[in-house]
């Protein structure tokens, strides 16, 4: 069965210890719409960034799925936004620990200087529809580089890798 993921993607199984029981076959792999639905419908997401001294930093955020990417934002002085200014790599995890979707990528800062008004308006429209507020800038776009997902671990454990990863 073909996946509905964006082009230039590899869909396969995550690699880990054999004792976890992840099947070798491609039968039971999840479809890309599971990822899009999780980020479109979820309300709270966990973002993991890296502090200047290398320690991890995790915090909950609101976010929206627009144009095939996750978007979230925060205040300039928040630890996680300062972390992104130094190292834009991050992971975003849905709130559930059983219906799991983990997106890894690089945060791209969007504001009046770096993005067109139409893109920023679409992101604000999505925030307003989902949370009842317009977010404003800065906002960060995270395009998937690697995604892991499962809801019936280990049988449906799925990994997507994008050419840029």
Protein backbone atom coordinates (compact mmCIF):
# COMPACT_ATOMS: atom_id res chain seq x y z
CA UNK A 1 0.00 0.00 0.00
CA UNK A 2 1.58 3.34 -0.98
CA UNK A 3 2.23 5.96 1.66
CA UNK A 4 0.77 9.43 1.24
CA UNK A 5 3.90 11.17 2.59
CA UNK A 6 5.55 14.02 0.73
CA UNK A 7 7.92 13.09 -2.10
CA UNK A 8 11.56 12.25 -1.38
CA UNK A 9 10.67 10.32 1.76
CA UNK A 10 11.67 6.88 2.94
CA UNK A 11 9.11 5.04 5.06
CA UNK A 12 10.48 2.07 6.98
CA UNK A 13 10.95 0.69 10.49
CA UNK A 14 12.88 2.42 13.28
CA UNK A 15 16.13 0.70 14.19
CA UNK A 16 16.55 -0.40 17.79
CA UNK A 17 17.32 -3.50 19.85
CA UNK A 18 15.80 -6.73 18.60
CA UNK A 19 14.25 -7.32 22.03
CA UNK A 20 11.73 -4.53 21.31
CA UNK A 21 10.08 -6.78 18.73
CA UNK A 22 9.75 -4.33 15.87
CA UNK A 23 8.85 -6.41 12.80
CA UNK A 24 11.19 -6.65 9.83
CA UNK A 25 8.33 -6.55 7.33
CA UNK A 26 6.74 -3.41 5.92
CA UNK A 27 3.25 -4.73 6.63
CA UNK A 28 1.46 -2.60 9.19
CA UNK A 29 3.44 0.60 8.60
CA UNK A 30 1.43 3.72 9.34
CA UNK A 31 0.32 6.17 6.67
CA UNK A 32 1.55 9.78 6.60
CA UNK A 33 -1.95 11.09 7.32
CA UNK A 34 -1.45 9.79 10.91
CA UNK A 35 1.33 12.36 11.32
CA UNK A 36 -0.60 15.21 9.74
CA UNK A 37 -3.72 14.43 11.77
CA UNK A 38 -1.77 14.26 15.04
CA UNK A 39 -0.24 17.69 14.49
CA UNK A 40 -3.39 19.24 13.03
CA UNK A 41 -5.68 17.98 15.80
CA UNK A 42 -3.38 17.93 18.85
CA UNK A 43 -3.52 20.87 21.24
CA UNK A 44 -0.34 20.54 23.31
CA UNK A 45 3.06 19.40 22.05
CA UNK A 46 6.41 18.87 23.76
CA UNK A 47 9.39 20.67 22.24
CA UNK A 48 12.93 19.56 23.09
CA UNK A 49 15.83 21.93 22.44
CA UNK A 50 19.43 22.01 23.60
CA UNK A 51 20.77 24.44 26.21
CA UNK A 52 24.10 26.20 25.58
CA UNK A 53 25.85 23.74 27.92
CA UNK A 54 24.44 20.76 25.97
CA UNK A 55 21.73 19.77 28.43
CA UNK A 56 18.29 19.06 26.99
CA UNK A 57 15.38 21.42 27.60
CA UNK A 58 11.74 20.31 27.16
CA UNK A 59 8.59 22.40 27.40
CA UNK A 60 4.97 22.24 26.24
CA UNK A 61 3.80 24.50 23.41
CA UNK A 62 0.76 25.12 21.28
CA UNK A 63 1.25 24.55 17.57
CA UNK A 64 -0.39 24.25 14.17
CA UNK A 65 0.20 22.21 11.02
CA UNK A 66 0.34 24.46 7.94
CA UNK A 67 1.74 23.68 4.49
CA UNK A 68 3.25 20.34 5.53
CA UNK A 69 5.14 21.70 8.53
CA UNK A 70 4.66 22.24 12.27
CA UNK A 71 4.58 25.85 13.48
CA UNK A 72 4.93 27.09 17.05
CA UNK A 73 6.20 30.21 18.74
CA UNK A 74 7.25 31.78 21.97
CA UNK A 75 8.59 34.88 23.61
CA UNK A 76 12.07 36.13 22.76
CA UNK A 77 13.35 35.67 26.33
CA UNK A 78 12.04 32.15 26.87
CA UNK A 79 14.76 29.55 27.35
CA UNK A 80 13.63 27.41 24.42
CA UNK A 81 13.54 30.31 21.93
CA UNK A 82 17.00 31.42 23.08
CA UNK A 83 18.15 27.81 22.64
CA UNK A 84 16.84 27.83 19.05
CA UNK A 85 18.74 31.04 18.29
CA UNK A 86 21.95 29.18 19.14
CA UNK A 87 21.04 25.71 17.81
CA UNK A 88 17.87 25.43 15.69
CA UNK A 89 17.69 21.61 15.84
CA UNK A 90 14.78 20.28 17.86
CA UNK A 91 12.29 17.49 18.38
CA UNK A 92 8.54 17.93 18.73
CA UNK A 93 6.47 15.18 20.40
CA UNK A 94 2.71 14.83 20.58
CA UNK A 95 1.31 14.82 24.10
CA UNK A 96 0.40 11.12 24.16
CA UNK A 97 2.87 8.44 25.22
CA UNK A 98 0.84 5.69 23.55
CA UNK A 99 -0.32 7.32 20.28
CA UNK A 100 3.16 8.63 19.54
CA UNK A 101 4.32 11.01 16.84
CA UNK A 102 7.82 12.51 17.13
CA UNK A 103 9.02 15.03 14.55
CA UNK A 104 12.69 15.98 14.28
CA UNK A 105 13.87 18.95 12.26
CA UNK A 106 15.38 22.41 12.22
CA UNK A 107 13.42 25.46 13.34
CA UNK A 108 13.19 28.26 10.82
CA UNK A 109 12.30 31.61 12.40
CA UNK A 110 9.43 33.37 10.64
CA UNK A 111 8.71 37.05 11.18
CA UNK A 112 7.99 40.15 9.08
CA UNK A 113 11.59 40.16 7.78
CA UNK A 114 11.85 36.45 6.90
CA UNK A 115 8.37 35.44 5.71
CA UNK A 116 5.72 36.85 3.43
CA UNK A 117 2.49 38.28 4.86
CA UNK A 118 0.37 35.54 3.27
CA UNK A 119 2.30 32.76 5.03
CA UNK A 120 2.15 34.55 8.37
CA UNK A 121 -1.59 35.16 7.92
CA UNK A 122 -2.23 31.45 7.18
CA UNK A 123 -0.35 30.48 10.34
CA UNK A 124 -2.28 33.05 12.39
CA UNK A 125 -5.56 31.85 10.83
CA UNK A 126 -4.72 28.28 11.87
CA UNK A 127 -3.91 29.42 15.43
CA UNK A 128 -7.16 31.35 15.61
CA UNK A 129 -9.21 28.40 14.35
CA UNK A 130 -7.55 26.02 16.80
CA UNK A 131 -6.95 28.12 19.92
CA UNK A 132 -9.08 31.24 19.48
CA UNK A 133 -6.06 33.58 19.30
CA UNK A 134 -3.77 34.98 16.63
CA UNK A 135 -0.19 34.08 17.46
CA UNK A 136 1.87 36.81 15.84
CA UNK A 137 5.63 36.64 15.43
CA UNK A 138 8.08 35.20 15.94
CA UNK A 139 6.85 31.79 14.98
CA UNK A 140 9.02 28.83 14.02
CA UNK A 141 8.45 26.45 11.10
CA UNK A 142 9.74 22.94 11.59
CA UNK A 143 9.80 20.91 8.39
CA UNK A 144 10.10 17.19 9.06
CA UNK A 145 13.53 15.63 8.61
CA UNK A 146 12.72 12.44 10.50
CA UNK A 147 9.43 11.30 12.02
CA UNK A 148 8.66 8.34 14.26
CA UNK A 149 5.12 7.18 14.99
CA UNK A 150 3.19 4.27 16.51
CA UNK A 151 -0.05 3.51 18.28
CA UNK A 152 0.23 -0.26 18.57
CA UNK A 153 3.92 -0.63 19.43
CA UNK A 154 5.81 -2.54 18.18
CA UNK A 155 3.60 -3.79 15.33
CA UNK A 156 3.04 -0.40 13.63
CA UNK A 157 6.28 1.39 14.58
CA UNK A 158 7.04 3.56 11.55
CA UNK A 159 9.86 5.92 10.58
CA UNK A 160 9.88 8.48 7.78
CA UNK A 161 13.20 9.93 6.66
CA UNK A 162 13.38 12.90 4.32
CA UNK A 163 16.21 13.39 1.85
CA UNK A 164 17.41 16.46 3.74
CA UNK A 165 17.97 14.37 6.91
